[in-house]
Amino acid sequence: MRPARDVLAVLRPAGVGGDTEAHTDDGYGYDMHPAERELVRGSSPARRREFAAGRAAAADALRLLGRSGPVLREARRPRFPVGVRGSISHCRGAAATCLATTRPDVSAVGVDVERVGRLSPETAALVCTPPERALLTDDHAGERLLTVMFSAKEAFYKAAGALNLPREPVFHDLEVVPYPGRAKRDAGDPGSEFGTGNGLRLTPAPGLLPDGCTVRGQVRSVGPYVWTTVLLLRVGGAPAASRAFRFA
């Protein structure tokens, strides 16, 4: 958990193994609300465990914000209580994340978690713009950077999807590149090509976001996972095309 005033990011392990029912603790210290339980009635045990892990993370965040659930669903997005904006992501069998905020200047939030090495070269061709693909290499560093790009786009699109934009964004509507000369190796993680203080530049397609909307976020390397959180903020004036994005 990372409390930051009235914005919270929570990372929880997801269930692995077992055949627990959705209405049980599931090992997370959280019994789902009956209305949450109803959302996964008839789903597979794996899906119920995944769902319970996400709602458990959401419950943690809401409790630290002084709020309570349930967290239901609207279309494909989680519906948080009135006055709270949140997002949930799952990485199958590995992790569930949640980001929630009560800040009045936050228009939307997005969160994503991915395991490094899961994405194929074909994914890069589908997801990345030509400048992004030019940065990728055929080694672990390239796999991690592709995961960072994909996760940042997923988190951004989750947030943007809550703004009722004129059209639904696609992967090439956002370009994600590291700031030159800022990719430092994390001495505490020999497998990591990025460390504290690194930045990413996120460049949305012109006109994609409303005037006065800016992007702030963070990408964290947690073991074999990449964990991204995004805030879309309301600010005065027209938004710049490129926004800083911190990688810790």
C-alpha atoms as a PDB file:
ATOM      1  CA  MET A   1       0.000   0.000   0.000  1.00  0.00           C
ATOM      2  CA  ARG A   2       1.256   3.496  -0.828  1.00  0.00           C
ATOM      3  CA  PRO A   3      -0.920   6.169   0.811  1.00  0.00           C
ATOM      4  CA  ALA A   4      -0.341   9.613  -0.694  1.00  0.00           C
ATOM      5  CA  ARG A   5      -2.769  12.077   0.861  1.00  0.00           C
ATOM      6  CA  ASP A   6      -6.080  11.103  -0.717  1.00  0.00           C
ATOM      7  CA  VAL A   7      -4.675   8.893  -3.502  1.00  0.00           C
ATOM      8  CA  LEU A   8      -3.907   5.242  -2.761  1.00  0.00           C
ATOM      9  CA  ALA A   9      -2.306   2.438  -4.744  1.00  0.00           C
ATOM     10  CA  VAL A  10      -2.664  -1.095  -3.373  1.00  0.00           C
ATOM     11  CA  LEU A  11      -0.911  -4.236  -4.635  1.00  0.00           C
ATOM     12  CA  ARG A  12      -2.097  -7.650  -3.410  1.00  0.00           C
ATOM     13  CA  PRO A  13      -1.066 -11.201  -4.339  1.00  0.00           C
ATOM     14  CA  ALA A  14      -3.726 -13.047  -6.294  1.00  0.00           C
ATOM     15  CA  GLY A  15      -4.858 -16.561  -5.456  1.00  0.00           C
ATOM     16  CA  VAL A  16      -2.817 -19.442  -6.718  1.00  0.00           C
ATOM     17  CA  GLY A  17      -4.211 -22.968  -6.591  1.00  0.00           C
ATOM     18  CA  GLY A  18      -7.148 -24.219  -4.570  1.00  0.00           C
ATOM     19  CA  ASP A  19     -10.824 -24.255  -5.406  1.00  0.00           C
ATOM     20  CA  THR A  20     -12.293 -21.746  -2.965  1.00  0.00           C
ATOM     21  CA  GLU A  21     -15.742 -20.277  -3.427  1.00  0.00           C
ATOM     22  CA  ALA A  22     -16.216 -16.564  -4.108  1.00  0.00           C
ATOM     23  CA  HIS A  23     -18.084 -16.020  -0.844  1.00  0.00           C
ATOM     24  CA  THR A  24     -15.179 -17.251   1.300  1.00  0.00           C
ATOM     25  CA  ASP A  25     -12.149 -15.409   2.612  1.00  0.00           C
ATOM     26  CA  ASP A  26     -10.044 -16.770  -0.309  1.00  0.00           C
ATOM     27  CA  GLY A  27      -6.951 -16.165   1.813  1.00  0.00           C
ATOM     28  CA  TYR A  28      -7.133 -12.378   1.519  1.00  0.00           C
ATOM     29  CA  GLY A  29      -8.779 -11.548   4.845  1.00  0.00           C
ATOM     30  CA  TYR A  30     -11.771 -10.203   2.931  1.00  0.00           C
ATOM     31  CA  ASP A  31     -15.310 -11.548   2.578  1.00  0.00           C
ATOM     32  CA  MET A  32     -16.958 -10.054  -0.470  1.00  0.00           C
ATOM     33  CA  HIS A  33     -20.148  -8.047  -0.186  1.00  0.00           C
ATOM     34  CA  PRO A  34     -23.186 -10.049  -1.411  1.00  0.00           C
ATOM     35  CA  ALA A  35     -23.590  -7.634  -4.328  1.00  0.00           C
ATOM     36  CA  GLU A  36     -19.945  -8.195  -5.339  1.00  0.00           C
ATOM     37  CA  ARG A  37     -20.391 -11.937  -4.970  1.00  0.00           C
ATOM     38  CA  GLU A  38     -23.362 -11.834  -7.326  1.00  0.00           C
ATOM     39  CA  LEU A  39     -21.162 -10.375 -10.098  1.00  0.00           C
ATOM     40  CA  VAL A  40     -19.164 -13.623 -10.350  1.00  0.00           C
ATOM     41  CA  ARG A  41     -21.937 -16.110  -9.665  1.00  0.00           C
ATOM     42  CA  GLY A  42     -21.420 -19.049 -12.015  1.00  0.00           C
ATOM     43  CA  SER A  43     -17.846 -18.067 -12.904  1.00  0.00           C
ATOM     44  CA  SER A  44     -14.938 -20.480 -12.707  1.00  0.00           C
ATOM     45  CA  PRO A  45     -13.033 -20.868  -9.403  1.00  0.00           C
ATOM     46  CA  ALA A  46      -9.992 -19.159 -10.955  1.00  0.00           C
ATOM     47  CA  ARG A  47     -12.100 -16.184 -12.051  1.00  0.00           C
ATOM     48  CA  ARG A  48     -13.713 -15.929  -8.617  1.00  0.00           C
ATOM     49  CA  ARG A  49     -10.302 -15.933  -6.901  1.00  0.00           C
ATOM     50  CA  GLU A  50      -9.033 -13.254  -9.278  1.00  0.00           C
ATOM     51  CA  PHE A  51     -12.141 -11.132  -8.746  1.00  0.00           C
ATOM     52  CA  ALA A  52     -11.929 -11.528  -4.947  1.00  0.00           C
ATOM     53  CA  ALA A  53      -8.277 -10.423  -4.969  1.00  0.00           C
ATOM     54  CA  GLY A  54      -9.176  -7.252  -6.867  1.00  0.00           C
ATOM     55  CA  ARG A  55     -12.102  -6.439  -4.574  1.00  0.00           C
ATOM     56  CA  ALA A  56      -9.898  -7.105  -1.548  1.00  0.00           C
ATOM     57  CA  ALA A  57      -7.382  -4.548  -2.853  1.00  0.00           C
ATOM     58  CA  ALA A  58     -10.243  -2.112  -3.490  1.00  0.00           C
ATOM     59  CA  ALA A  59     -11.545  -2.646   0.053  1.00  0.00           C
ATOM     60  CA  ASP A  60      -8.077  -1.877   1.444  1.00  0.00           C
ATOM     61  CA  ALA A  61      -7.873   1.366  -0.535  1.00  0.00           C
ATOM     62  CA  LEU A  62     -11.397   2.446   0.412  1.00  0.00           C
ATOM     63  CA  ARG A  63     -10.765   1.750   4.090  1.00  0.00           C
ATOM     64  CA  LEU A  64      -7.632   3.911   4.052  1.00  0.00           C
ATOM     65  CA  LEU A  65      -9.629   6.675   2.349  1.00  0.00           C
ATOM     66  CA  GLY A  66     -12.268   6.409   5.090  1.00  0.00           C
ATOM     67  CA  ARG A  67     -14.838   4.903   2.742  1.00  0.00           C
ATOM     68  CA  SER A  68     -16.521   1.537   2.302  1.00  0.00           C
ATOM     69  CA  GLY A  69     -17.803  -0.588  -0.586  1.00  0.00           C
ATOM     70  CA  PRO A  70     -19.163  -2.453  -2.297  1.00  0.00           C
ATOM     71  CA  VAL A  71     -17.319  -1.982  -5.585  1.00  0.00           C
ATOM     72  CA  LEU A  72     -19.748  -3.054  -8.295  1.00  0.00           C
ATOM     73  CA  ARG A  73     -19.474  -2.902 -12.086  1.00  0.00           C
ATOM     74  CA  GLU A  74     -20.579  -0.583 -14.871  1.00  0.00           C
ATOM     75  CA  ALA A  75     -20.080  -2.001 -18.353  1.00  0.00           C
ATOM     76  CA  ARG A  76     -16.597  -3.540 -18.027  1.00  0.00           C
ATOM     77  CA  ARG A  77     -15.279  -1.063 -15.439  1.00  0.00           C
ATOM     78  CA  PRO A  78     -15.497  -1.289 -11.646  1.00  0.00           C
ATOM     79  CA  ARG A  79     -17.980   1.165 -10.132  1.00  0.00           C
ATOM     80  CA  PHE A  80     -16.635   2.662  -6.929  1.00  0.00           C
ATOM     81  CA  PRO A  81     -18.797   4.422  -4.310  1.00  0.00           C
ATOM     82  CA  VAL A  82     -19.904   8.004  -4.989  1.00  0.00           C
ATOM     83  CA  GLY A  83     -17.035  10.445  -4.467  1.00  0.00           C
ATOM     84  CA  VAL A  84     -14.300   7.887  -5.191  1.00  0.00           C
ATOM     85  CA  ARG A  85     -12.557   7.161  -8.489  1.00  0.00           C
ATOM     86  CA  GLY A  86     -10.790   3.852  -8.840  1.00  0.00           C
ATOM     87  CA  SER A  87      -9.446   1.181 -11.143  1.00  0.00           C
ATOM     88  CA  ILE A  88      -8.587  -2.513 -10.722  1.00  0.00           C
ATOM     89  CA  SER A  89      -6.204  -4.737 -12.688  1.00  0.00           C
ATOM     90  CA  HIS A  90      -5.395  -8.453 -12.529  1.00  0.00           C
ATOM     91  CA  CYS A  91      -2.387 -10.426 -13.627  1.00  0.00           C
ATOM     92  CA  ARG A  92      -3.664 -13.997 -13.793  1.00  0.00           C
ATOM     93  CA  GLY A  93      -2.428 -16.122 -10.922  1.00  0.00           C
ATOM     94  CA  ALA A  94       0.004 -13.482  -9.738  1.00  0.00           C
ATOM     95  CA  ALA A  95      -1.292 -10.090  -8.633  1.00  0.00           C
ATOM     96  CA  ALA A  96      -4.261  -7.772  -8.336  1.00  0.00           C
ATOM     97  CA  THR A  97      -3.965  -4.000  -8.050  1.00  0.00           C
ATOM     98  CA  CYS A  98      -6.192  -1.088  -7.184  1.00  0.00           C
ATOM     99  CA  LEU A  99      -5.896   2.701  -7.360  1.00  0.00           C
ATOM    100  CA  ALA A 100      -8.502   4.888  -5.666  1.00  0.00           C
ATOM    101  CA  THR A 101      -8.742   8.608  -4.942  1.00  0.00           C
ATOM    102  CA  THR A 102     -11.098  11.215  -3.499  1.00  0.00           C
ATOM    103  CA  ARG A 103      -9.159  14.177  -4.961  1.00  0.00           C
ATOM    104  CA  PRO A 104     -11.565  16.606  -6.652  1.00  0.00           C
ATOM    105  CA  ASP A 105      -9.042  17.528  -9.375  1.00  0.00           C
ATOM    106  CA  VAL A 106      -8.770  13.903 -10.576  1.00  0.00           C
ATOM    107  CA  SER A 107     -10.998  13.249 -13.581  1.00  0.00           C
ATOM    108  CA  ALA A 108     -10.138   9.575 -13.957  1.00  0.00           C
ATOM    109  CA  VAL A 109      -7.678   6.898 -12.828  1.00  0.00           C
ATOM    110  CA  GLY A 110      -6.207   3.779 -14.365  1.00  0.00           C
ATOM    111  CA  VAL A 111      -4.041   0.923 -13.122  1.00  0.00           C
ATOM    112  CA  ASP A 112      -2.394  -2.061 -14.772  1.00  0.00           C
ATOM    113  CA  VAL A 113      -0.111  -4.938 -13.716  1.00  0.00           C
ATOM    114  CA  GLU A 114       1.797  -7.181 -16.147  1.00  0.00           C
ATOM    115  CA  ARG A 115       4.377  -9.952 -15.876  1.00  0.00           C
ATOM    116  CA  VAL A 116       7.581  -9.350 -17.824  1.00  0.00           C
ATOM    117  CA  GLY A 117       8.097 -11.869 -20.625  1.00  0.00           C
ATOM    118  CA  ARG A 118       4.414 -12.540 -21.264  1.00  0.00           C
ATOM    119  CA  LEU A 119       4.214 -10.394 -24.407  1.00  0.00           C
ATOM    120  CA  SER A 120       5.275 -11.705 -27.812  1.00  0.00           C
ATOM    121  CA  PRO A 121       7.049  -9.922 -30.681  1.00  0.00           C
ATOM    122  CA  GLU A 122       3.712  -9.981 -32.485  1.00  0.00           C
ATOM    123  CA  THR A 123       2.283  -7.934 -29.594  1.00  0.00           C
ATOM    124  CA  ALA A 124       4.982  -5.315 -30.147  1.00  0.00           C
ATOM    125  CA  ALA A 125       3.955  -4.977 -33.800  1.00  0.00           C
ATOM    126  CA  LEU A 126       0.327  -4.483 -32.740  1.00  0.00           C
ATOM    127  CA  VAL A 127       0.877  -2.202 -29.731  1.00  0.00           C
ATOM    128  CA  CYS A 128       3.939  -0.072 -30.483  1.00  0.00           C
ATOM    129  CA  THR A 129       4.426   2.914 -32.739  1.00  0.00           C
ATOM    130  CA  PRO A 130       7.505   2.934 -35.040  1.00  0.00           C
ATOM    131  CA  PRO A 131       9.553   5.107 -32.602  1.00  0.00           C
ATOM    132  CA  GLU A 132       8.640   2.732 -29.746  1.00  0.00           C
ATOM    133  CA  ARG A 133       9.578  -0.370 -31.751  1.00  0.00           C
ATOM    134  CA  ALA A 134      12.941   1.202 -32.615  1.00  0.00           C
ATOM    135  CA  LEU A 135      13.825   1.179 -28.891  1.00  0.00           C
ATOM    136  CA  LEU A 136      13.116  -2.531 -28.357  1.00  0.00           C
ATOM    137  CA  THR A 137      15.942  -5.075 -28.288  1.00  0.00           C
ATOM    138  CA  ASP A 138      15.914  -8.877 -28.494  1.00  0.00           C
ATOM    139  CA  ASP A 139      16.857  -9.486 -24.863  1.00  0.00           C
ATOM    140  CA  HIS A 140      15.486  -9.159 -21.334  1.00  0.00           C
ATOM    141  CA  ALA A 141      15.840  -5.368 -21.461  1.00  0.00           C
ATOM    142  CA  GLY A 142      13.657  -5.281 -24.566  1.00  0.00           C
ATOM    143  CA  GLU A 143      11.065  -7.559 -22.957  1.00  0.00           C
ATOM    144  CA  ARG A 144      10.886  -5.321 -19.903  1.00  0.00           C
ATOM    145  CA  LEU A 145      10.630  -2.134 -21.936  1.00  0.00           C
ATOM    146  CA  LEU A 146       7.837  -3.652 -24.055  1.00  0.00           C
ATOM    147  CA  THR A 147       6.024  -4.596 -20.837  1.00  0.00           C
ATOM    148  CA  VAL A 148       6.437  -1.037 -19.540  1.00  0.00           C
ATOM    149  CA  MET A 149       5.053   0.438 -22.765  1.00  0.00           C
ATOM    150  CA  PHE A 150       2.111  -1.966 -22.828  1.00  0.00           C
ATOM    151  CA  SER A 151       1.279  -1.477 -19.143  1.00  0.00           C
ATOM    152  CA  ALA A 152       1.469   2.316 -19.376  1.00  0.00           C
ATOM    153  CA  LYS A 153      -0.893   2.283 -22.363  1.00  0.00           C
ATOM    154  CA  GLU A 154      -3.317  -0.103 -20.629  1.00  0.00           C
ATOM    155  CA  ALA A 155      -3.438   2.061 -17.482  1.00  0.00           C
ATOM    156  CA  PHE A 156      -3.851   5.231 -19.541  1.00  0.00           C
ATOM    157  CA  TYR A 157      -6.661   3.751 -21.642  1.00  0.00           C
ATOM    158  CA  LYS A 158      -8.512   2.557 -18.557  1.00  0.00           C
ATOM    159  CA  ALA A 159      -8.438   6.107 -17.246  1.00  0.00           C
ATOM    160  CA  ALA A 160      -9.302   7.687 -20.598  1.00  0.00           C
ATOM    161  CA  GLY A 161     -12.209   5.275 -21.015  1.00  0.00           C
ATOM    162  CA  ALA A 162     -13.966   6.929 -18.066  1.00  0.00           C
ATOM    163  CA  LEU A 163     -13.985  10.364 -19.748  1.00  0.00           C
ATOM    164  CA  ASN A 164     -16.615   9.661 -22.431  1.00  0.00           C
ATOM    165  CA  LEU A 165     -14.225  10.670 -25.209  1.00  0.00           C
ATOM    166  CA  PRO A 166     -15.569  11.150 -28.755  1.00  0.00           C
ATOM    167  CA  ARG A 167     -13.934   7.859 -29.739  1.00  0.00           C
ATOM    168  CA  GLU A 168     -12.342   4.917 -27.970  1.00  0.00           C
ATOM    169  CA  PRO A 169      -8.531   5.216 -27.899  1.00  0.00           C
ATOM    170  CA  VAL A 170      -6.345   2.612 -29.616  1.00  0.00           C
ATOM    171  CA  PHE A 171      -2.782   1.582 -28.769  1.00  0.00           C
ATOM    172  CA  HIS A 172      -1.159   3.939 -31.269  1.00  0.00           C
ATOM    173  CA  ASP A 173      -2.993   6.928 -29.770  1.00  0.00           C
ATOM    174  CA  LEU A 174      -0.354   7.030 -27.026  1.00  0.00           C
ATOM    175  CA  GLU A 175       3.406   6.996 -27.463  1.00  0.00           C
ATOM    176  CA  VAL A 176       5.553   5.877 -24.514  1.00  0.00           C
ATOM    177  CA  VAL A 177       9.320   6.434 -24.650  1.00  0.00           C
ATOM    178  CA  PRO A 178      12.003   6.822 -21.931  1.00  0.00           C
ATOM    179  CA  TYR A 179      13.602  10.197 -21.435  1.00  0.00           C
ATOM    180  CA  PRO A 180      17.056  10.085 -23.093  1.00  0.00           C
ATOM    181  CA  GLY A 181      19.910   9.317 -20.752  1.00  0.00           C
ATOM    182  CA  ARG A 182      17.706   8.490 -17.764  1.00  0.00           C
ATOM    183  CA  ALA A 183      17.554   4.703 -17.916  1.00  0.00           C
ATOM    184  CA  LYS A 184      19.635   3.672 -14.886  1.00  0.00           C
ATOM    185  CA  ARG A 185      20.043   0.113 -13.675  1.00  0.00           C
ATOM    186  CA  ASP A 186      18.606  -0.597 -10.243  1.00  0.00           C
ATOM    187  CA  ALA A 187      21.564  -1.876  -8.197  1.00  0.00           C
ATOM    188  CA  GLY A 188      19.172  -3.799  -5.954  1.00  0.00           C
ATOM    189  CA  ASP A 189      17.690  -5.722  -8.875  1.00  0.00           C
ATOM    190  CA  PRO A 190      20.281  -7.059 -11.369  1.00  0.00           C
ATOM    191  CA  GLY A 191      17.479  -8.010 -13.755  1.00  0.00           C
ATOM    192  CA  SER A 192      16.051  -4.495 -13.903  1.00  0.00           C
ATOM    193  CA  GLU A 193      17.056  -1.979 -16.567  1.00  0.00           C
ATOM    194  CA  PHE A 194      15.204   0.829 -14.821  1.00  0.00           C
ATOM    195  CA  GLY A 195      15.575   2.340 -11.371  1.00  0.00           C
ATOM    196  CA  THR A 196      14.339   5.160  -9.165  1.00  0.00           C
ATOM    197  CA  GLY A 197      14.370   8.559 -10.819  1.00  0.00           C
ATOM    198  CA  ASN A 198      13.760   7.368 -14.369  1.00  0.00           C
ATOM    199  CA  GLY A 199      11.089   8.991 -16.466  1.00  0.00           C
ATOM    200  CA  LEU A 200       8.862   8.164 -19.391  1.00  0.00           C
ATOM    201  CA  ARG A 201       7.360  10.567 -21.862  1.00  0.00           C
ATOM    202  CA  LEU A 202       3.686   9.925 -22.628  1.00  0.00           C
ATOM    203  CA  THR A 203       2.440  11.672 -25.758  1.00  0.00           C
ATOM    204  CA  PRO A 204      -1.319  11.333 -26.443  1.00  0.00           C
ATOM    205  CA  ALA A 205      -2.612  11.834 -29.976  1.00  0.00           C
ATOM    206  CA  PRO A 206      -3.541  15.480 -30.632  1.00  0.00           C
ATOM    207  CA  GLY A 207      -7.084  16.232 -29.463  1.00  0.00           C
ATOM    208  CA  LEU A 208      -7.486  12.896 -27.702  1.00  0.00           C
ATOM    209  CA  LEU A 209      -7.886  14.389 -24.216  1.00  0.00           C
ATOM    210  CA  PRO A 210     -10.125  17.343 -23.321  1.00  0.00           C
ATOM    211  CA  ASP A 211      -8.548  20.782 -22.972  1.00  0.00           C
ATOM    212  CA  GLY A 212      -7.171  21.297 -19.484  1.00  0.00           C
ATOM    213  CA  CYS A 213      -6.565  17.567 -18.899  1.00  0.00           C
ATOM    214  CA  THR A 214      -3.057  16.381 -18.033  1.00  0.00           C
ATOM    215  CA  VAL A 215      -1.495  12.999 -17.254  1.00  0.00           C
ATOM    216  CA  ARG A 216       0.460  12.004 -14.157  1.00  0.00           C
ATOM    217  CA  GLY A 217       1.550   8.513 -13.272  1.00  0.00           C
ATOM    218  CA  GLN A 218       4.107   6.048 -12.034  1.00  0.00           C
ATOM    219  CA  VAL A 219       5.500   2.724 -13.210  1.00  0.00           C
ATOM    220  CA  ARG A 220       7.033   0.451 -10.592  1.00  0.00           C
ATOM    221  CA  SER A 221       9.118  -2.690 -11.061  1.00  0.00           C
ATOM    222  CA  VAL A 222       7.981  -5.247  -8.448  1.00  0.00           C
ATOM    223  CA  GLY A 223       9.920  -8.498  -8.854  1.00  0.00           C
ATOM    224  CA  PRO A 224       8.950  -9.934 -12.255  1.00  0.00           C
ATOM    225  CA  TYR A 225       5.999  -7.520 -12.576  1.00  0.00           C
ATOM    226  CA  VAL A 226       5.437  -4.040 -13.944  1.00  0.00           C
ATOM    227  CA  TRP A 227       2.796  -2.073 -12.041  1.00  0.00           C
ATOM    228  CA  THR A 228       1.475   1.183 -13.548  1.00  0.00           C
ATOM    229  CA  THR A 229      -0.822   3.832 -12.074  1.00  0.00           C
ATOM    230  CA  VAL A 230      -2.234   6.840 -13.956  1.00  0.00           C
ATOM    231  CA  LEU A 231      -4.142   9.965 -12.929  1.00  0.00           C
ATOM    232  CA  LEU A 232      -5.887  12.247 -15.424  1.00  0.00           C
ATOM    233  CA  LEU A 233      -5.975  15.679 -13.790  1.00  0.00           C
ATOM    234  CA  ARG A 234      -8.015  18.787 -14.486  1.00  0.00           C
ATOM    235  CA  VAL A 235      -5.722  21.825 -14.734  1.00  0.00           C
ATOM    236  CA  GLY A 236      -6.004  25.339 -16.127  1.00  0.00           C
ATOM    237  CA  GLY A 237      -5.088  26.069 -19.717  1.00  0.00           C
ATOM    238  CA  ALA A 238      -4.603  23.770 -22.680  1.00  0.00           C
ATOM    239  CA  PRO A 239      -2.719  20.520 -22.084  1.00  0.00           C
ATOM    240  CA  ALA A 240       0.778  19.995 -23.426  1.00  0.00           C
ATOM    241  CA  ALA A 241       1.222  17.085 -25.826  1.00  0.00           C
ATOM    242  CA  SER A 242       3.852  15.306 -23.706  1.00  0.00           C
ATOM    243  CA  ARG A 243       3.664  14.619 -19.995  1.00  0.00           C
ATOM    244  CA  ALA A 244       6.197  13.366 -17.482  1.00  0.00           C
ATOM    245  CA  PHE A 245       5.679   9.874 -16.168  1.00  0.00           C
ATOM    246  CA  ARG A 246       7.816   8.629 -13.301  1.00  0.00           C
ATOM    247  CA  PHE A 247       9.321   5.151 -13.160  1.00  0.00           C
ATOM    248  CA  ALA A 248      10.351   4.083  -9.640  1.00  0.00           C
END
